[in-house]
């Protein structure tokens, strides 16, 4: 058996002792999920952001923010469809 490197590893092993193999399996799956989905995603956040931006590109517009917002509002059209729902 491999020697643990930290007190935290030892604590996890101690907590798992005495549990059934099924319970240990469940905890191992939960630990793996946390490691992959939460911890790994934080480490890869910068890479994920870069990948997202490479697909979407950057917003390029010569107009000021106020001009862009005004254009968005003026392009909106009202509809009578929602009046029937409300």
N, C-alpha and C. Protein backbone atom coordinates (compact mmCIF):
# COMPACT_ATOMS: atom_id res chain seq x y z
N UNK A 1 0.84 -1.19 0.00
CA UNK A 1 0.00 0.00 0.00
C UNK A 1 0.89 1.25 0.00
N UNK A 2 0.47 2.24 -0.77
CA UNK A 2 1.24 3.47 -0.90
C UNK A 2 1.09 4.33 0.36
N UNK A 3 2.17 4.92 0.80
CA UNK A 3 2.15 5.79 1.97
C UNK A 3 1.47 7.11 1.60
N UNK A 4 0.60 7.59 2.49
CA UNK A 4 -0.07 8.87 2.22
C UNK A 4 0.92 10.01 2.38
N UNK A 5 0.61 11.11 1.69
CA UNK A 5 1.53 12.24 1.69
C UNK A 5 1.12 13.33 2.68
N UNK A 6 -0.17 13.43 2.99
CA UNK A 6 -0.63 14.50 3.87
C UNK A 6 -1.56 13.95 4.94
N UNK A 7 -1.81 14.76 5.95
CA UNK A 7 -2.77 14.40 7.00
C UNK A 7 -4.18 14.29 6.42
N UNK A 8 -4.48 15.10 5.41
CA UNK A 8 -5.81 15.06 4.80
C UNK A 8 -6.07 13.71 4.14
N UNK A 9 -5.06 13.20 3.44
CA UNK A 9 -5.20 11.88 2.83
C UNK A 9 -5.42 10.82 3.90
N UNK A 10 -4.69 10.92 4.98
CA UNK A 10 -4.85 9.95 6.06
C UNK A 10 -6.23 10.05 6.67
N UNK A 11 -6.74 11.26 6.83
CA UNK A 11 -8.09 11.45 7.38
C UNK A 11 -9.15 10.81 6.48
N UNK A 12 -9.01 10.96 5.18
CA UNK A 12 -9.96 10.35 4.25
C UNK A 12 -9.91 8.84 4.37
N UNK A 13 -8.71 8.29 4.40
CA UNK A 13 -8.57 6.84 4.55
C UNK A 13 -9.16 6.36 5.86
N UNK A 14 -8.91 7.08 6.94
CA UNK A 14 -9.47 6.70 8.24
C UNK A 14 -11.00 6.74 8.22
N UNK A 15 -11.55 7.76 7.57
CA UNK A 15 -13.01 7.88 7.48
C UNK A 15 -13.63 6.74 6.68
N UNK A 16 -12.90 6.21 5.72
CA UNK A 16 -13.42 5.13 4.89
C UNK A 16 -13.30 3.77 5.56
N UNK A 17 -12.39 3.65 6.52
CA UNK A 17 -12.21 2.36 7.19
C UNK A 17 -13.48 1.99 7.94
N UNK A 18 -13.81 0.72 7.86
CA UNK A 18 -14.98 0.22 8.56
C UNK A 18 -16.26 0.31 7.74
N UNK A 19 -16.20 1.03 6.62
CA UNK A 19 -17.37 1.11 5.75
C UNK A 19 -17.39 -0.10 4.83
N UNK A 20 -18.56 -0.46 4.38
CA UNK A 20 -18.67 -1.58 3.45
C UNK A 20 -18.03 -1.19 2.12
N UNK A 21 -17.75 -2.20 1.31
CA UNK A 21 -17.15 -1.93 0.00
C UNK A 21 -18.08 -1.07 -0.85
N UNK A 22 -19.37 -1.31 -0.72
CA UNK A 22 -20.35 -0.52 -1.48
C UNK A 22 -20.32 0.94 -1.03
N UNK A 23 -20.25 1.18 0.26
CA UNK A 23 -20.18 2.55 0.77
C UNK A 23 -18.87 3.22 0.35
N UNK A 24 -17.78 2.47 0.40
CA UNK A 24 -16.51 3.02 -0.06
C UNK A 24 -16.57 3.36 -1.54
N UNK A 25 -17.20 2.51 -2.32
CA UNK A 25 -17.34 2.75 -3.75
C UNK A 25 -18.13 4.04 -4.00
N UNK A 26 -19.21 4.21 -3.24
CA UNK A 26 -20.03 5.42 -3.39
C UNK A 26 -19.23 6.66 -3.04
N UNK A 27 -18.49 6.61 -1.94
CA UNK A 27 -17.66 7.76 -1.56
C UNK A 27 -16.57 8.03 -2.59
N UNK A 28 -15.99 6.98 -3.13
CA UNK A 28 -14.96 7.16 -4.15
C UNK A 28 -15.53 7.84 -5.39
N UNK A 29 -16.75 7.46 -5.77
CA UNK A 29 -17.41 8.10 -6.92
C UNK A 29 -17.70 9.56 -6.65
N UNK A 30 -18.16 9.86 -5.43
CA UNK A 30 -18.43 11.26 -5.06
C UNK A 30 -17.13 12.06 -5.08
N UNK A 31 -16.08 11.50 -4.50
CA UNK A 31 -14.79 12.18 -4.50
C UNK A 31 -14.32 12.44 -5.93
N UNK A 32 -14.45 11.44 -6.79
CA UNK A 32 -14.04 11.58 -8.19
C UNK A 32 -14.86 12.68 -8.88
N UNK A 33 -16.16 12.72 -8.63
CA UNK A 33 -17.02 13.74 -9.21
C UNK A 33 -16.58 15.13 -8.77
N UNK A 34 -16.36 15.29 -7.48
CA UNK A 34 -15.91 16.59 -6.95
C UNK A 34 -14.58 16.98 -7.58
N UNK A 35 -13.68 16.05 -7.65
CA UNK A 35 -12.35 16.33 -8.20
C UNK A 35 -12.44 16.75 -9.67
N UNK A 36 -13.22 16.03 -10.45
CA UNK A 36 -13.31 16.30 -11.88
C UNK A 36 -14.14 17.53 -12.21
N UNK A 37 -15.29 17.67 -11.56
CA UNK A 37 -16.23 18.72 -11.94
C UNK A 37 -16.01 20.05 -11.24
N UNK A 38 -15.48 20.02 -10.04
CA UNK A 38 -15.32 21.27 -9.30
C UNK A 38 -13.87 21.72 -9.29
N UNK A 39 -13.00 20.87 -8.82
CA UNK A 39 -11.59 21.26 -8.69
C UNK A 39 -10.95 21.42 -10.06
N UNK A 40 -11.11 20.44 -10.93
CA UNK A 40 -10.50 20.52 -12.26
C UNK A 40 -11.07 21.67 -13.07
N UNK A 41 -12.37 21.94 -12.92
CA UNK A 41 -12.97 23.02 -13.70
C UNK A 41 -12.42 24.38 -13.28
N UNK A 42 -12.10 24.54 -12.01
CA UNK A 42 -11.49 25.80 -11.56
C UNK A 42 -10.11 25.98 -12.17
N UNK A 43 -9.38 24.89 -12.25
CA UNK A 43 -8.03 24.96 -12.82
C UNK A 43 -8.08 25.27 -14.31
N UNK A 44 -9.12 24.79 -14.98
CA UNK A 44 -9.22 24.96 -16.43
C UNK A 44 -10.07 26.16 -16.83
N UNK A 45 -10.48 26.99 -15.88
CA UNK A 45 -11.38 28.10 -16.16
C UNK A 45 -10.81 29.03 -17.23
N UNK A 46 -9.54 29.35 -17.14
CA UNK A 46 -8.92 30.24 -18.11
C UNK A 46 -8.96 29.60 -19.50
N UNK A 47 -8.63 28.31 -19.58
CA UNK A 47 -8.64 27.61 -20.86
C UNK A 47 -10.05 27.55 -21.43
N UNK A 48 -11.04 27.28 -20.58
CA UNK A 48 -12.43 27.22 -21.02
C UNK A 48 -12.87 28.57 -21.56
N UNK A 49 -12.51 29.64 -20.86
CA UNK A 49 -12.85 30.99 -21.30
C UNK A 49 -12.23 31.28 -22.66
N UNK A 50 -10.98 30.93 -22.83
CA UNK A 50 -10.30 31.16 -24.11
C UNK A 50 -10.96 30.38 -25.24
N UNK A 51 -11.34 29.13 -24.97
CA UNK A 51 -12.02 28.32 -25.98
C UNK A 51 -13.36 28.94 -26.35
N UNK A 52 -14.11 29.38 -25.35
CA UNK A 52 -15.40 30.01 -25.60
C UNK A 52 -15.24 31.25 -26.46
N UNK A 53 -14.29 32.10 -26.10
CA UNK A 53 -14.08 33.33 -26.86
C UNK A 53 -13.59 33.05 -28.28
N UNK A 54 -12.85 31.98 -28.47
CA UNK A 54 -12.37 31.65 -29.82
C UNK A 54 -13.53 31.24 -30.72
N UNK A 55 -14.57 30.67 -30.14
CA UNK A 55 -15.74 30.28 -30.92
C UNK A 55 -16.62 31.49 -31.20
N UNK A 56 -16.79 32.32 -30.19
CA UNK A 56 -17.71 33.45 -30.30
C UNK A 56 -17.07 34.66 -30.96
N UNK A 57 -15.80 34.82 -30.80
CA UNK A 57 -15.15 36.02 -31.30
C UNK A 57 -15.37 37.18 -30.35
N UNK A 58 -14.88 38.32 -30.71
CA UNK A 58 -15.05 39.50 -29.87
C UNK A 58 -16.01 40.46 -30.54
N UNK A 59 -16.64 41.26 -29.74
CA UNK A 59 -17.61 42.23 -30.23
C UNK A 59 -16.86 43.42 -30.79
N UNK A 60 -17.15 43.75 -32.05
CA UNK A 60 -16.52 44.90 -32.67
C UNK A 60 -17.61 45.83 -33.18
N UNK A 61 -17.57 47.05 -32.71
CA UNK A 61 -18.55 48.04 -33.13
C UNK A 61 -17.93 49.41 -32.90
N UNK A 62 -18.07 50.25 -33.88
CA UNK A 62 -17.48 51.60 -33.80
C UNK A 62 -18.36 52.55 -33.00
N UNK A 63 -19.62 52.15 -32.77
CA UNK A 63 -20.55 53.03 -32.07
C UNK A 63 -20.26 53.03 -30.56
N UNK A 64 -20.68 54.10 -29.89
CA UNK A 64 -20.54 54.15 -28.43
C UNK A 64 -21.53 53.17 -27.81
N UNK A 65 -21.34 52.91 -26.54
CA UNK A 65 -22.24 52.00 -25.84
C UNK A 65 -23.67 52.55 -25.87
N UNK A 66 -23.82 53.83 -25.63
CA UNK A 66 -25.15 54.44 -25.65
C UNK A 66 -25.81 54.28 -27.02
N UNK A 67 -25.03 54.44 -28.08
CA UNK A 67 -25.58 54.27 -29.43
C UNK A 67 -25.99 52.82 -29.68
N UNK A 68 -25.20 51.89 -29.20
CA UNK A 68 -25.53 50.47 -29.37
C UNK A 68 -26.81 50.11 -28.62
N UNK A 69 -26.92 50.59 -27.36
CA UNK A 69 -28.11 50.30 -26.56
C UNK A 69 -29.33 50.92 -27.22
N UNK A 70 -29.21 52.12 -27.69
CA UNK A 70 -30.32 52.79 -28.37
C UNK A 70 -30.75 52.01 -29.61
N UNK A 71 -29.79 51.50 -30.36
CA UNK A 71 -30.11 50.72 -31.55
C UNK A 71 -30.84 49.43 -31.19
N UNK A 72 -30.44 48.80 -30.11
CA UNK A 72 -31.10 47.57 -29.66
C UNK A 72 -32.55 47.86 -29.29
N UNK A 73 -32.77 48.91 -28.50
CA UNK A 73 -34.14 49.24 -28.11
C UNK A 73 -35.00 49.64 -29.31
N UNK A 74 -34.45 50.38 -30.23
CA UNK A 74 -35.24 50.81 -31.39
C UNK A 74 -35.56 49.66 -32.32
N UNK A 75 -34.76 48.59 -32.29
CA UNK A 75 -35.01 47.44 -33.15
C UNK A 75 -36.06 46.50 -32.57
N UNK A 76 -36.41 46.67 -31.31
CA UNK A 76 -37.41 45.81 -30.68
C UNK A 76 -38.79 46.12 -31.25
N UNK A 77 -39.58 45.10 -31.35
CA UNK A 77 -40.94 45.26 -31.83
C UNK A 77 -41.88 44.72 -30.76
N UNK A 78 -42.96 45.43 -30.54
CA UNK A 78 -43.93 44.94 -29.57
C UNK A 78 -44.83 43.91 -30.25
N UNK A 79 -45.40 43.07 -29.45
CA UNK A 79 -46.25 42.01 -29.98
C UNK A 79 -47.50 41.89 -29.13
N UNK A 80 -48.56 41.44 -29.71
CA UNK A 80 -49.81 41.27 -29.00
C UNK A 80 -49.92 39.85 -28.44
N UNK A 81 -48.98 38.97 -28.76
CA UNK A 81 -49.07 37.57 -28.34
C UNK A 81 -49.08 37.44 -26.82
N UNK A 82 -48.31 38.24 -26.13
CA UNK A 82 -48.22 38.10 -24.68
C UNK A 82 -49.46 38.63 -23.96
N UNK A 83 -50.21 39.51 -24.59
CA UNK A 83 -51.40 40.05 -23.95
C UNK A 83 -52.43 38.95 -23.68
N UNK A 84 -52.51 37.95 -24.54
CA UNK A 84 -53.45 36.86 -24.35
C UNK A 84 -53.08 36.00 -23.14
N UNK A 85 -51.79 35.87 -22.89
CA UNK A 85 -51.32 35.06 -21.76
C UNK A 85 -51.59 35.77 -20.44
N UNK A 86 -51.33 37.06 -20.42
CA UNK A 86 -51.49 37.83 -19.19
C UNK A 86 -52.93 38.25 -19.03
